[in-house]
Protein backbone atom coordinates (compact mmCIF):
# COMPACT_ATOMS: atom_id res chain seq x y z
CA UNK A 1 0.00 0.00 0.00
CA UNK A 2 0.75 3.36 -0.58
CA UNK A 3 2.78 6.32 0.25
CA UNK A 4 2.15 9.80 -1.06
CA UNK A 5 5.65 11.21 -1.12
CA UNK A 6 6.39 14.86 -1.13
CA UNK A 7 9.72 15.03 -2.84
CA UNK A 8 11.76 17.72 -1.16
CA UNK A 9 14.82 19.62 -2.25
CA UNK A 10 18.00 19.35 -0.21
CA UNK A 11 17.04 22.39 1.81
CA UNK A 12 13.70 20.84 2.60
CA UNK A 13 14.95 17.73 4.36
CA UNK A 14 12.89 16.62 7.38
CA UNK A 15 15.84 16.89 9.67
CA UNK A 16 14.23 16.05 12.95
CA UNK A 17 15.36 12.64 11.73
CA UNK A 18 18.99 13.66 12.06
CA UNK A 19 19.06 12.88 15.76
CA UNK A 20 17.97 9.59 17.26
CA UNK A 21 15.25 9.67 14.65
CA UNK A 22 17.69 9.06 11.79
CA UNK A 23 17.65 5.48 12.99
CA UNK A 24 13.96 5.40 13.71
CA UNK A 25 12.31 7.51 11.02
CA UNK A 26 14.40 9.22 8.41
CA UNK A 27 11.51 10.93 6.71
CA UNK A 28 9.14 11.81 9.51
CA UNK A 29 7.56 15.15 8.72
CA UNK A 30 7.95 14.75 4.96
CA UNK A 31 4.95 12.51 4.33
CA UNK A 32 1.40 13.70 3.91
CA UNK A 33 -0.01 10.18 4.30
CA UNK A 34 -0.99 7.14 2.30
CA UNK A 35 -3.30 7.60 -0.67
CA UNK A 36 -6.35 5.50 -0.21
CA UNK A 37 -6.35 5.71 3.59
CA UNK A 38 -9.04 8.33 4.01
CA UNK A 39 -8.88 10.03 7.37
CA UNK A 40 -11.81 12.27 6.49
CA UNK A 41 -14.46 9.57 6.84
CA UNK A 42 -17.11 9.73 9.51
CA UNK A 43 -15.48 6.80 11.30
CA UNK A 44 -12.29 8.82 11.77
CA UNK A 45 -14.21 11.29 13.94
CA UNK A 46 -15.79 8.67 16.17
CA UNK A 47 -14.24 7.89 19.57
CA UNK A 48 -12.23 4.69 19.46
CA UNK A 49 -13.74 1.66 21.16
CA UNK A 50 -11.51 -1.33 21.84
CA UNK A 51 -13.16 -4.40 20.28
CA UNK A 52 -14.04 -7.18 22.69
CA UNK A 53 -11.78 -9.60 20.78
CA UNK A 54 -8.83 -7.23 21.21
CA UNK A 55 -9.55 -6.71 24.89
CA UNK A 56 -9.73 -10.47 25.40
CA UNK A 57 -6.18 -10.78 24.06
CA UNK A 58 -4.94 -7.97 26.29
CA UNK A 59 -4.36 -5.63 23.34
CA UNK A 60 -4.24 -1.91 23.95
CA UNK A 61 -6.19 1.10 22.63
CA UNK A 62 -4.39 3.93 20.77
CA UNK A 63 -3.90 6.13 23.81
CA UNK A 64 -1.90 3.39 25.54
CA UNK A 65 0.44 2.69 22.62
CA UNK A 66 4.05 3.85 23.12
CA UNK A 67 4.88 6.28 20.31
CA UNK A 68 8.60 6.55 21.13
CA UNK A 69 9.76 3.00 20.47
CA UNK A 70 9.08 0.00 18.23
CA UNK A 71 9.34 -2.33 21.22
CA UNK A 72 10.41 -2.44 24.86
CA UNK A 73 13.53 -0.43 25.68
CA UNK A 74 16.03 -2.57 27.63
CA UNK A 75 15.93 -1.83 31.35
CA UNK A 76 19.70 -1.31 31.46
CA UNK A 77 19.45 1.38 28.79
CA UNK A 78 16.55 3.08 30.53
CA UNK A 79 18.51 3.13 33.78
CA UNK A 80 21.57 4.62 32.06
CA UNK A 81 19.46 7.31 30.40
CA UNK A 82 17.83 8.20 33.71
CA UNK A 83 21.24 8.41 35.38
CA UNK A 84 22.56 10.67 32.61
CA UNK A 85 19.58 12.98 33.05
CA UNK A 86 20.67 13.30 36.67
CA UNK A 87 24.22 14.10 35.62
CA UNK A 88 25.78 10.66 36.16
CA UNK A 89 27.62 9.54 33.03
CA UNK A 90 29.13 6.35 34.46
CA UNK A 91 26.23 3.96 33.63
CA UNK A 92 26.25 5.19 30.02
CA UNK A 93 30.00 4.71 29.82
CA UNK A 94 29.71 1.24 31.35
CA UNK A 95 27.03 0.26 28.86
CA UNK A 96 29.08 1.46 25.91
CA UNK A 97 32.15 -0.32 27.29
CA UNK A 98 30.15 -3.53 27.53
CA UNK A 99 29.00 -3.37 23.92
CA UNK A 100 32.61 -2.90 22.82
CA UNK A 101 33.88 -5.76 24.97
CA UNK A 102 31.14 -8.06 23.69
CA UNK A 103 31.50 -6.77 20.12
CA UNK A 104 27.75 -6.24 20.09
CA UNK A 105 27.60 -3.72 17.27
CA UNK A 106 23.80 -3.81 17.02
CA UNK A 107 23.30 -2.62 20.57
CA UNK A 108 26.31 -0.29 20.40
CA UNK A 109 24.56 1.49 17.56
CA UNK A 110 21.18 1.59 19.31
CA UNK A 111 22.58 2.75 22.66
CA UNK A 112 24.75 5.45 21.14
CA UNK A 113 21.74 6.92 19.32
CA UNK A 114 19.69 7.14 22.50
CA UNK A 115 22.56 8.73 24.40
CA UNK A 116 23.25 11.12 21.53
CA UNK A 117 19.64 12.27 21.41
CA UNK A 118 19.67 12.91 25.14
CA UNK A 119 22.94 14.85 24.87
CA UNK A 120 21.43 17.01 22.14
CA UNK A 121 19.01 18.29 24.77
CA UNK A 122 21.58 18.73 27.53
CA UNK A 123 25.17 17.53 27.21
CA UNK A 124 26.32 18.41 30.74
CA UNK A 125 26.75 14.74 31.58
CA UNK A 126 28.57 14.05 28.30
CA UNK A 127 30.96 16.94 28.92
CA UNK A 128 31.75 15.43 32.33
CA UNK A 129 32.35 12.04 30.71
CA UNK A 130 34.69 13.58 28.14
CA UNK A 131 36.58 15.48 30.84
CA UNK A 132 37.07 12.34 32.93
CA UNK A 133 38.01 10.12 29.99
CA UNK A 134 39.21 12.39 27.15
CA UNK A 135 39.95 9.63 24.65
CA UNK A 136 37.02 7.36 25.44
CA UNK A 137 35.73 5.78 22.19
CA UNK A 138 32.18 5.57 23.50
CA UNK A 139 32.07 9.24 24.44
CA UNK A 140 33.54 10.22 21.07
CA UNK A 141 30.88 8.20 19.25
CA UNK A 142 28.07 9.71 21.30
CA UNK A 143 29.49 13.20 20.70
CA UNK A 144 29.58 12.70 16.92
CA UNK A 145 26.01 11.46 16.80
CA UNK A 146 24.89 14.18 19.20
CA UNK A 147 26.30 16.86 16.89
CA UNK A 148 24.13 15.46 14.11
CA UNK A 149 21.13 15.49 16.44
CA UNK A 150 21.81 19.13 17.36
CA UNK A 151 21.89 20.02 13.67
CA UNK A 152 18.53 18.37 13.20
CA UNK A 153 17.03 20.24 16.11
CA UNK A 154 18.30 23.55 14.71
CA UNK A 155 16.77 22.77 11.32
CA UNK A 156 13.50 21.48 12.77
CA UNK A 157 10.99 19.14 11.16
CA UNK A 158 8.96 21.65 9.15
CA UNK A 159 9.07 21.97 5.39
CA UNK A 160 11.39 24.44 3.73
CA UNK A 161 8.82 27.22 3.34
CA UNK A 162 8.33 27.23 7.10
CA UNK A 163 12.06 27.18 7.92
CA UNK A 164 14.13 30.34 8.26
CA UNK A 165 17.42 31.13 6.58
CA UNK A 166 19.00 31.22 10.03
CA UNK A 167 17.81 27.68 10.68
CA UNK A 168 19.27 26.46 7.40
CA UNK A 169 22.56 28.22 8.05
CA UNK A 170 22.78 26.80 11.54
CA UNK A 171 21.97 23.33 10.31
CA UNK A 172 24.67 23.35 7.64
CA UNK A 173 27.23 24.84 10.02
CA UNK A 174 26.67 22.25 12.74
CA UNK A 175 26.28 19.39 10.29
CA UNK A 176 29.60 20.32 8.71
CA UNK A 177 31.13 20.29 12.18
CA UNK A 178 29.92 16.71 12.58
CA UNK A 179 32.51 15.65 10.01
CA UNK A 180 35.30 16.44 12.46
CA UNK A 181 33.48 14.67 15.27
CA UNK A 182 32.96 11.59 13.09
CA UNK A 183 36.65 11.58 12.18
CA UNK A 184 37.59 11.68 15.86
CA UNK A 185 35.17 8.85 16.66
CA UNK A 186 36.76 6.77 13.90
CA UNK A 187 40.27 7.52 15.16
CA UNK A 188 39.39 6.45 18.71
CA UNK A 189 37.18 3.49 17.78
CA UNK A 190 37.80 0.07 19.25
CA UNK A 191 39.11 -2.44 16.76
CA UNK A 192 36.41 -3.78 14.46
CA UNK A 193 33.72 -1.29 15.48
CA UNK A 194 31.59 -0.31 12.46
CA UNK A 195 29.37 2.14 14.34
CA UNK A 196 31.49 5.31 13.86
CA UNK A 197 31.22 4.69 10.12
CA UNK A 198 27.49 3.93 10.34
CA UNK A 199 27.06 7.26 12.10
CA UNK A 200 28.56 9.02 9.08
CA UNK A 201 25.57 8.04 6.94
CA UNK A 202 23.56 10.67 8.82
CA UNK A 203 25.92 13.35 7.61
CA UNK A 204 25.99 11.82 4.13
CA UNK A 205 22.23 12.24 3.99
CA UNK A 206 22.17 15.70 5.50
CA UNK A 207 24.95 17.19 3.38
CA UNK A 208 24.27 15.22 0.23
CA UNK A 209 27.45 13.19 -0.11
CA UNK A 210 28.06 11.92 -3.66
CA UNK A 211 27.73 8.21 -4.36
CA UNK A 212 31.48 7.65 -4.36
CA UNK A 213 31.74 8.94 -0.78
CA UNK A 214 28.83 6.77 0.31
CA UNK A 215 30.46 3.76 -1.34
CA UNK A 216 33.64 4.44 0.62
CA UNK A 217 31.74 4.62 3.92
CA UNK A 218 29.81 1.49 3.05
CA UNK A 219 32.96 -0.48 2.38
CA UNK A 220 34.30 0.43 5.81
CA UNK A 221 31.05 -0.74 7.40
CA UNK A 222 30.69 -4.02 5.57
CA UNK A 223 34.34 -4.90 6.13
CA UNK A 224 33.49 -4.86 9.84
CA UNK A 225 29.81 -5.90 9.99
CA UNK A 226 28.37 -7.14 6.69
CA UNK A 227 24.82 -7.70 8.02
CA UNK A 228 24.31 -4.81 10.42
CA UNK A 229 20.60 -3.94 10.46
CA UNK A 230 20.76 -0.23 11.31
CA UNK A 231 23.53 0.31 8.77
CA UNK A 232 21.43 -1.26 6.04
CA UNK A 233 18.34 0.68 7.07
CA UNK A 234 20.15 4.01 6.89
CA UNK A 235 21.99 3.12 3.68
CA UNK A 236 18.73 2.07 2.05
CA UNK A 237 17.33 5.48 2.86
CA UNK A 238 20.34 7.06 1.14
CA UNK A 239 19.72 5.01 -2.00
CA UNK A 240 15.98 5.77 -2.11
CA UNK A 241 14.66 8.14 -4.75
CA UNK A 242 13.62 10.67 -2.11
CA UNK A 243 17.20 11.10 -0.96
CA UNK A 244 20.31 10.43 -3.07
CA UNK A 245 19.39 7.48 -5.26
CA UNK A 246 16.53 6.04 -7.26
CA UNK A 247 13.93 3.33 -6.99
CA UNK A 248 16.15 0.94 -8.93
CA UNK A 249 19.20 1.65 -6.79
CA UNK A 250 17.19 1.14 -3.62
CA UNK A 251 15.57 -2.08 -4.78
CA UNK A 252 18.89 -3.45 -6.04
CA UNK A 253 20.60 -2.58 -2.76
CA UNK A 254 17.85 -4.28 -0.75
CA UNK A 255 17.78 -7.39 -2.93
CA UNK A 256 21.55 -7.81 -2.68
CA UNK A 257 21.48 -7.42 1.10
CA UNK A 258 18.80 -10.09 1.42
CA UNK A 259 20.47 -12.49 -1.00
CA UNK A 260 23.86 -12.41 0.75
CA UNK A 261 22.67 -12.66 4.34
CA UNK A 262 22.17 -15.72 6.54
CA UNK A 263 18.75 -16.65 7.88
CA UNK A 264 18.07 -14.82 11.12
CA UNK A 265 19.95 -11.65 10.16
CA UNK A 266 16.67 -9.82 9.35
CA UNK A 267 18.12 -8.65 6.03
CA UNK A 268 15.16 -10.13 4.13
CA UNK A 269 12.96 -7.26 5.30
CA UNK A 270 14.82 -4.72 3.17
CA UNK A 271 13.14 -5.62 -0.14
CA UNK A 272 9.83 -4.99 1.64
CA UNK A 273 11.07 -1.63 2.91
CA UNK A 274 12.30 -0.68 -0.58
CA UNK A 275 8.88 -1.56 -1.96
CA UNK A 276 7.15 0.41 0.78
CA UNK A 277 9.28 3.49 0.17
CA UNK A 278 8.52 3.60 -3.57
CA UNK A 279 4.98 2.27 -3.91
CA UNK A 280 2.76 5.11 -5.11
CA UNK A 281 -0.18 2.96 -6.17
CA UNK A 282 -3.67 3.82 -5.00
CA UNK A 283 -4.67 0.29 -4.01
CA UNK A 284 -3.23 -2.72 -2.25
CA UNK A 285 -3.02 -4.79 -5.43
CA UNK A 286 0.72 -4.15 -5.70
CA UNK A 287 1.12 -5.68 -2.24
CA UNK A 288 -0.73 -8.90 -3.11
CA UNK A 289 1.35 -10.15 -6.01
CA UNK A 290 3.04 -13.55 -5.86
CA UNK A 291 6.37 -11.73 -5.63
CA UNK A 292 5.24 -9.71 -2.62
CA UNK A 293 3.82 -12.77 -0.90
CA UNK A 294 7.18 -14.47 -1.39
CA UNK A 295 8.99 -11.48 0.13
CA UNK A 296 6.69 -11.58 3.14
CA UNK A 297 7.24 -15.32 3.52
CA UNK A 298 11.01 -14.79 3.43
CA UNK A 299 10.80 -12.11 6.13
CA UNK A 300 8.60 -14.37 8.27
CA UNK A 301 11.21 -17.12 8.08
CA UNK A 302 13.96 -14.63 8.85
CA UNK A 303 12.29 -13.21 11.95
CA UNK A 304 11.44 -16.70 13.18
CA UNK A 305 15.14 -17.63 12.98
CA UNK A 306 16.41 -14.39 14.51
CA UNK A 307 17.72 -14.04 18.04
CA UNK A 308 14.70 -12.91 20.11
CA UNK A 309 17.02 -10.37 21.75
CA UNK A 310 17.94 -8.70 18.46
CA UNK A 311 17.13 -5.00 18.93
CA UNK A 312 15.35 -4.73 15.57
CA UNK A 313 13.10 -7.79 15.61
CA UNK A 314 10.09 -5.70 16.62
CA UNK A 315 10.58 -3.34 13.65
CA UNK A 316 10.40 -6.27 11.25
CA UNK A 317 7.30 -7.63 12.95
CA UNK A 318 5.50 -4.28 12.56
CA UNK A 319 6.06 -4.26 8.81
CA UNK A 320 5.09 -7.93 8.54
CA UNK A 321 1.83 -7.25 10.38
CA UNK A 322 1.05 -4.49 7.89
CA UNK A 323 1.69 -6.55 4.78
CA UNK A 324 0.02 -9.68 6.14
CA UNK A 325 -3.08 -7.59 6.79
CA UNK A 326 -3.00 -6.18 3.24
CA UNK A 327 -2.60 -9.69 1.86
CA UNK A 328 -5.63 -10.94 3.84
CA UNK A 329 -3.44 -13.33 5.79
CA UNK A 330 -5.23 -12.28 8.91
CA UNK A 331 -4.40 -15.05 11.35
CA UNK A 332 -0.69 -14.56 10.71
CA UNK A 333 -1.15 -10.79 10.88
CA UNK A 334 -2.83 -11.01 14.28
CA UNK A 335 0.13 -12.99 15.62
CA UNK A 336 2.55 -10.27 14.55
CA UNK A 337 0.30 -7.49 15.87
CA UNK A 338 0.03 -9.30 19.20
CA UNK A 339 3.80 -9.59 19.54
CA UNK A 340 4.40 -5.84 19.09
CA UNK A 341 1.23 -4.41 20.60
CA UNK A 342 1.91 -1.47 22.89
CA UNK A 343 4.54 0.16 20.65
CA UNK A 344 4.06 1.97 17.35
CA UNK A 345 7.26 3.85 16.47
CA UNK A 346 8.04 1.71 13.43
CA UNK A 347 7.31 1.45 9.74
CA UNK A 348 4.65 1.85 8.50
CA UNK A 349 2.85 3.58 11.35
CA UNK A 350 5.38 6.36 11.90
CA UNK A 351 4.59 7.71 8.43
CA UNK A 352 1.04 8.49 9.53
CA UNK A 353 -0.25 11.52 11.36
CA UNK A 354 -1.85 9.19 13.92
CA UNK A 355 0.48 6.17 14.14
CA UNK A 356 -1.28 4.59 17.12
CA UNK A 357 -4.69 5.01 15.53
CA UNK A 358 -3.54 3.47 12.24
CA UNK A 359 -1.87 0.57 14.03
CA UNK A 360 -5.03 -0.20 16.00
CA UNK A 361 -7.27 0.17 12.95
CA UNK A 362 -5.36 -2.41 10.92
CA UNK A 363 -4.85 -4.68 13.93
CA UNK A 364 -8.56 -4.66 14.67
CA UNK A 365 -9.39 -5.29 11.01
CA UNK A 366 -7.20 -8.39 10.90
CA UNK A 367 -8.56 -9.56 14.25
CA UNK A 368 -12.17 -9.23 13.02
CA UNK A 369 -11.42 -10.96 9.72
CA UNK A 370 -9.57 -13.79 11.46
CA UNK A 371 -12.52 -14.25 13.81
CA UNK A 372 -14.98 -14.41 10.93
CA UNK A 373 -12.83 -16.96 9.12
CA UNK A 374 -12.60 -19.12 12.23
CA UNK A 375 -16.34 -19.04 12.84
CA UNK A 376 -17.38 -19.41 9.22
């Protein structure tokens, strides 16, 4: 189904995404909505009522859906964030040290984004960390990503016509500064860490790096972590038509990632994301082809084989729930909806003005259809 893209010039980038949100939603603020999903109907104005079938499964109404995460945030990360807000940098440093020692590049990427976004609001705790440990690789990584987040906050999430020249100038100035911070993070990185290079994709998007520069960054990443989920997500955004590539480049990139990856890596979701990003049809027919059903089946097998603790499993389940619903595979859709219920900051919901409402609408539709099929 269906995205109505507003194609923006470089100066019109939705740069709220340049903080933590670069990982979570590169284009939030740039999308008007999906064609064919009519929010102007009478039903849209009616108060939501949780269906009895949903309540029986313990599913939640829109107002109780978490709009800041695709799934539960690890308790250790929450505790470190709370400590940093109180000025204590040590738990954040310990957590980053642990990801380096364990060579857990997925969580190193996730944790550094959350810390960076927090530091973009108030970096007092990060300054104290840097003063105590001047050459700490974790602090350098968080600083680089925080600089990008600050640039995004200066720019704001509004379209170009609602953004001042001062905002644009400040964005470009701070984003350019992020190059130096990225270089320092690379210089201090622990051996084998791809995350300082992954962080550079944010700047590549924001400043419009040419393809040759992106290829160079990508080589550094894949030499260290060939199947890193967040790296592929951000790189796919770069290759999309709305950013620095084209539909063909994006689809080719996604297909290659899926073809080369082992089962359980979650790489098979990227052809679905590439389709989602470029589908401008006004019906769900394009989502019900044999090819699309095969892509959904591949992603189902991938998520079933993945480590349940993988930080991006929930994101894949959200997109699977969406496509299974569109393909009238309602029993399977309900299972995916049930596993992620309570959280809605994921594709496709984050591209809607009311992500929680859209999530619940499609969840309830699949639940009702599955019930009818079972009883009929």
